[in-house]
Protein backbone atom coordinates (compact mmCIF):
# COMPACT_ATOMS: atom_id res chain seq x y z
CA UNK A 1 -60.37 -54.78 -39.76
CA UNK A 2 -63.07 -57.01 -41.41
CA UNK A 3 -62.70 -59.48 -38.51
CA UNK A 4 -63.52 -56.73 -35.96
CA UNK A 5 -66.30 -55.47 -38.09
CA UNK A 6 -67.76 -58.96 -38.34
CA UNK A 7 -67.34 -59.39 -34.54
CA UNK A 8 -69.29 -56.16 -33.88
CA UNK A 9 -72.14 -57.05 -36.32
CA UNK A 10 -72.38 -60.61 -34.87
CA UNK A 11 -72.39 -59.06 -31.39
CA UNK A 12 -75.54 -57.05 -32.24
CA UNK A 13 -77.42 -60.10 -33.32
CA UNK A 14 -76.16 -62.71 -30.74
CA UNK A 15 -77.26 -60.20 -27.93
CA UNK A 16 -80.60 -59.54 -29.53
CA UNK A 17 -79.67 -55.81 -29.74
CA UNK A 18 -79.87 -55.79 -33.54
CA UNK A 19 -83.17 -57.49 -33.63
CA UNK A 20 -84.79 -55.08 -31.02
CA UNK A 21 -83.41 -52.02 -32.86
CA UNK A 22 -84.85 -53.16 -36.17
CA UNK A 23 -88.20 -54.10 -34.70
CA UNK A 24 -88.60 -50.89 -32.67
CA UNK A 25 -87.69 -48.74 -35.65
CA UNK A 26 -90.17 -50.50 -37.93
CA UNK A 27 -93.04 -50.71 -35.37
CA UNK A 28 -92.80 -46.94 -34.44
CA UNK A 29 -92.67 -45.85 -37.99
CA UNK A 30 -95.56 -48.23 -38.97
CA UNK A 31 -97.73 -47.00 -36.23
CA UNK A 32 -97.41 -43.45 -37.42
CA UNK A 33 -97.81 -44.31 -41.05
CA UNK A 34 -100.72 -46.72 -40.94
CA UNK A 35 -102.26 -46.90 -37.43
CA UNK A 36 -102.36 -43.53 -35.57
CA UNK A 37 -105.11 -41.37 -36.92
CA UNK A 38 -104.24 -37.85 -38.10
CA UNK A 39 -102.36 -35.99 -40.83
CA UNK A 40 -99.42 -38.23 -40.66
CA UNK A 41 -101.49 -41.35 -41.42
CA UNK A 42 -101.08 -42.18 -45.17
CA UNK A 43 -104.66 -43.49 -45.39
CA UNK A 44 -106.18 -40.39 -43.57
CA UNK A 45 -104.09 -37.86 -45.53
CA UNK A 46 -105.28 -39.16 -48.93
CA UNK A 47 -101.86 -38.47 -50.49
CA UNK A 48 -99.42 -41.27 -51.82
CA UNK A 49 -96.49 -40.01 -49.90
CA UNK A 50 -93.91 -41.35 -47.47
CA UNK A 51 -93.38 -37.95 -45.89
CA UNK A 52 -94.48 -39.39 -42.53
CA UNK A 53 -91.50 -41.87 -42.56
CA UNK A 54 -88.97 -39.08 -43.32
CA UNK A 55 -90.43 -36.98 -40.52
CA UNK A 56 -90.49 -39.63 -37.87
CA UNK A 57 -87.50 -41.77 -38.77
CA UNK A 58 -84.80 -39.07 -37.90
CA UNK A 59 -86.34 -38.77 -34.42
CA UNK A 60 -86.44 -42.50 -33.99
CA UNK A 61 -82.80 -42.84 -35.08
CA UNK A 62 -81.93 -40.01 -32.65
CA UNK A 63 -82.46 -42.53 -29.86
CA UNK A 64 -81.92 -45.88 -31.45
CA UNK A 65 -78.41 -45.09 -32.84
CA UNK A 66 -76.99 -43.82 -29.64
CA UNK A 67 -78.42 -47.04 -28.12
CA UNK A 68 -76.48 -48.99 -30.73
CA UNK A 69 -73.19 -47.17 -30.31
CA UNK A 70 -73.09 -46.42 -26.61
CA UNK A 71 -71.31 -49.83 -25.99
CA UNK A 72 -68.80 -49.39 -28.75
CA UNK A 73 -65.96 -48.37 -26.62
CA UNK A 74 -67.53 -47.78 -23.21
CA UNK A 75 -68.31 -51.43 -22.73
CA UNK A 76 -64.68 -52.36 -23.90
CA UNK A 77 -63.26 -49.88 -21.31
CA UNK A 78 -65.63 -50.96 -18.57
CA UNK A 79 -64.80 -54.65 -19.05
CA UNK A 80 -61.03 -54.03 -19.43
CA UNK A 81 -60.86 -55.44 -22.96
CA UNK A 82 -60.03 -52.11 -24.63
CA UNK A 83 -56.32 -52.38 -23.91
CA UNK A 84 -56.27 -55.91 -25.39
CA UNK A 85 -58.14 -54.57 -28.48
CA UNK A 86 -55.53 -51.78 -28.92
CA UNK A 87 -52.70 -54.34 -28.81
CA UNK A 88 -54.13 -56.04 -31.98
CA UNK A 89 -52.37 -55.45 -35.31
CA UNK A 90 -54.78 -52.74 -36.19
CA UNK A 91 -54.31 -49.09 -36.25
CA UNK A 92 -56.54 -46.92 -34.07
CA UNK A 93 -58.27 -45.62 -37.26
CA UNK A 94 -59.04 -49.14 -38.47
CA UNK A 95 -60.53 -49.99 -35.05
CA UNK A 96 -62.74 -46.91 -35.10
CA UNK A 97 -63.83 -47.44 -38.69
CA UNK A 98 -64.72 -51.01 -38.03
CA UNK A 99 -66.93 -50.17 -35.00
CA UNK A 100 -68.48 -47.29 -36.93
CA UNK A 101 -69.25 -49.35 -40.00
CA UNK A 102 -70.83 -52.01 -37.85
CA UNK A 103 -73.19 -49.46 -36.25
CA UNK A 104 -74.04 -47.84 -39.57
CA UNK A 105 -74.66 -51.36 -41.22
CA UNK A 106 -77.27 -52.06 -38.47
CA UNK A 107 -78.88 -48.66 -39.28
CA UNK A 108 -78.90 -49.63 -43.01
CA UNK A 109 -80.39 -53.02 -42.25
CA UNK A 110 -83.16 -51.31 -40.28
CA UNK A 111 -83.88 -49.05 -43.35
CA UNK A 112 -84.06 -51.83 -45.98
CA UNK A 113 -87.54 -53.19 -44.92
CA UNK A 114 -88.84 -49.54 -45.24
CA UNK A 115 -88.79 -50.28 -49.00
CA UNK A 116 -92.06 -52.17 -48.33
CA UNK A 117 -93.62 -48.82 -47.35
CA UNK A 118 -92.58 -47.44 -50.71
CA UNK A 119 -94.08 -50.28 -52.66
CA UNK A 120 -97.27 -50.14 -50.54
CA UNK A 121 -97.67 -46.45 -51.20
CA UNK A 122 -96.84 -46.93 -54.82
CA UNK A 123 -99.61 -49.44 -55.16
CA UNK A 124 -102.01 -47.21 -53.34
CA UNK A 125 -101.49 -44.25 -55.62
CA UNK A 126 -104.28 -43.19 -57.83
CA UNK A 127 -103.34 -43.61 -60.69
CA UNK A 128 -101.04 -46.53 -59.79
CA UNK A 129 -97.47 -45.31 -59.01
CA UNK A 130 -98.58 -41.74 -58.35
CA UNK A 131 -95.73 -40.91 -55.98
CA UNK A 132 -92.82 -38.56 -56.12
CA UNK A 133 -90.31 -41.28 -56.84
CA UNK A 134 -87.28 -38.93 -57.08
CA UNK A 135 -88.11 -37.14 -53.79
CA UNK A 136 -88.79 -40.50 -52.07
CA UNK A 137 -85.35 -41.98 -53.15
CA UNK A 138 -83.61 -38.71 -52.23
CA UNK A 139 -85.16 -38.85 -48.75
CA UNK A 140 -84.07 -42.40 -48.36
CA UNK A 141 -80.51 -41.33 -49.22
CA UNK A 142 -80.71 -38.37 -46.81
CA UNK A 143 -81.94 -40.64 -44.08
CA UNK A 144 -78.91 -42.94 -44.63
CA UNK A 145 -76.56 -40.02 -44.46
CA UNK A 146 -78.31 -38.68 -41.34
CA UNK A 147 -77.78 -42.04 -39.75
CA UNK A 148 -74.28 -41.98 -40.80
CA UNK A 149 -73.69 -38.72 -38.79
CA UNK A 150 -75.54 -40.14 -35.74
CA UNK A 151 -73.30 -43.20 -35.82
CA UNK A 152 -70.23 -41.03 -35.98
CA UNK A 153 -71.38 -38.98 -33.01
CA UNK A 154 -72.35 -42.09 -31.02
CA UNK A 155 -68.98 -43.88 -31.62
CA UNK A 156 -67.20 -40.59 -30.47
CA UNK A 157 -69.28 -40.20 -27.39
CA UNK A 158 -68.66 -43.84 -26.47
CA UNK A 159 -64.95 -43.26 -26.59
CA UNK A 160 -65.24 -40.48 -24.01
CA UNK A 161 -66.48 -42.45 -21.14
CA UNK A 162 -66.68 -46.05 -19.71
CA UNK A 163 -70.34 -45.40 -18.62
CA UNK A 164 -72.76 -46.49 -21.33
CA UNK A 165 -75.64 -44.35 -19.93
CA UNK A 166 -73.49 -41.23 -20.06
CA UNK A 167 -72.36 -42.17 -23.54
CA UNK A 168 -76.02 -42.53 -24.60
CA UNK A 169 -77.06 -39.16 -23.10
CA UNK A 170 -74.03 -37.32 -24.67
CA UNK A 171 -74.78 -38.88 -28.00
CA UNK A 172 -78.42 -37.91 -27.93
CA UNK A 173 -77.66 -34.38 -26.86
CA UNK A 174 -75.00 -33.83 -29.53
CA UNK A 175 -77.22 -35.45 -32.25
CA UNK A 176 -80.08 -33.11 -31.35
CA UNK A 177 -77.69 -30.21 -31.50
CA UNK A 178 -76.52 -31.10 -34.99
CA UNK A 179 -80.06 -32.05 -36.24
CA UNK A 180 -82.06 -28.90 -35.04
CA UNK A 181 -79.75 -27.05 -32.64
CA UNK A 182 -78.07 -24.83 -35.27
CA UNK A 183 -81.37 -24.08 -36.91
CA UNK A 184 -82.70 -23.01 -33.52
CA UNK A 185 -79.67 -20.75 -32.99
CA UNK A 186 -79.97 -19.17 -36.36
CA UNK A 187 -83.22 -17.44 -35.45
CA UNK A 188 -81.88 -15.67 -32.45
CA UNK A 189 -81.46 -11.92 -33.04
CA UNK A 190 -77.74 -12.05 -32.11
CA UNK A 191 -77.00 -14.38 -35.02
CA UNK A 192 -79.14 -12.58 -37.67
CA UNK A 193 -76.10 -11.64 -39.70
CA UNK A 194 -74.74 -15.27 -39.83
CA UNK A 195 -78.13 -16.99 -39.89
CA UNK A 196 -77.64 -18.82 -43.24
CA UNK A 197 -74.17 -19.96 -42.32
CA UNK A 198 -75.29 -21.34 -38.90
CA UNK A 199 -78.29 -23.12 -40.55
CA UNK A 200 -75.92 -24.83 -43.01
CA UNK A 201 -73.96 -26.28 -40.10
CA UNK A 202 -76.89 -28.37 -39.04
CA UNK A 203 -78.00 -31.67 -40.46
CA UNK A 204 -81.65 -30.70 -41.12
CA UNK A 205 -80.90 -28.19 -43.83
CA UNK A 206 -78.91 -30.70 -45.80
CA UNK A 207 -81.43 -33.46 -45.08
CA UNK A 208 -84.26 -31.32 -46.42
CA UNK A 209 -82.20 -30.42 -49.50
CA UNK A 210 -81.54 -34.10 -50.53
CA UNK A 211 -85.18 -34.93 -49.69
CA UNK A 212 -86.29 -32.78 -52.67
CA UNK A 213 -84.75 -35.44 -54.92
CA UNK A 214 -81.75 -33.38 -56.06
CA UNK A 215 -78.36 -34.82 -55.03
CA UNK A 216 -76.24 -31.69 -54.43
CA UNK A 217 -72.60 -32.12 -54.09
CA UNK A 218 -72.49 -29.61 -51.25
CA UNK A 219 -74.69 -31.84 -49.26
CA UNK A 220 -72.72 -34.93 -49.82
CA UNK A 221 -69.51 -33.04 -48.89
CA UNK A 222 -71.18 -31.86 -45.70
CA UNK A 223 -72.15 -35.35 -44.59
CA UNK A 224 -68.84 -36.86 -45.47
CA UNK A 225 -66.97 -33.92 -43.67
CA UNK A 226 -69.00 -34.34 -40.41
CA UNK A 227 -68.61 -38.15 -40.35
CA UNK A 228 -64.93 -37.73 -41.06
CA UNK A 229 -64.63 -35.23 -38.25
CA UNK A 230 -66.12 -37.48 -35.72
CA UNK A 231 -64.23 -40.54 -36.85
CA UNK A 232 -60.95 -38.59 -36.57
CA UNK A 233 -61.98 -37.15 -33.14
CA UNK A 234 -62.58 -40.65 -31.94
CA UNK A 235 -59.28 -41.89 -33.27
CA UNK A 236 -57.54 -38.96 -31.57
CA UNK A 237 -59.23 -39.77 -28.32
CA UNK A 238 -57.99 -43.34 -28.55
CA UNK A 239 -54.47 -42.28 -29.48
CA UNK A 240 -54.45 -39.88 -26.61
CA UNK A 241 -54.09 -42.86 -24.19
CA UNK A 242 -50.46 -43.33 -25.47
CA UNK A 243 -49.61 -39.66 -24.81
């Protein structure tokens, strides 16, 4: 499984996909944090906070992670190498997990340079270090888990089709549904009685909870459960070829 994981990671950077994803992620966030004027600009707001990063990054990941994962299985099937991959001495679950971890690792690599934003705002605080450290680290953890779900959704959507564009669109739509879709449904009058339950099905409620700096086991269980659901769904889709 490690060999396949390494092959996937290596493929991101030999094809420049990895570099482009990281660059786009950092540039877009940097523009909103430091360049574009307005309330989201740290210098204009006058507050030592990275709230802008944690508002913008989920939406940037919403498109970048599907772009990362759209070729996971779709490209293999289109090129005819999927059957060869399935004949390797690896279980379907190991194949899915290797591709999933490779996509998630690239998202994590893109997040690591964002620590520079933290140290910059830390130094800009008056007095020095006047930043909500607990909330900031909680938000970083929440952003990582959010990326983990996006990656799971993306890999699953890639297993459904051999067309990478269709895989990308499906992944974006499903990610939007999990991010804010349930929250939007919960405000409809017909769902008034089950509003809280429906909100808790979405990512955003748990993302906001972790962003407060308190790691609640219910949020961790939610993220792990959703990721596991999509990994198992992808594994089932691969296994269905043998039925």
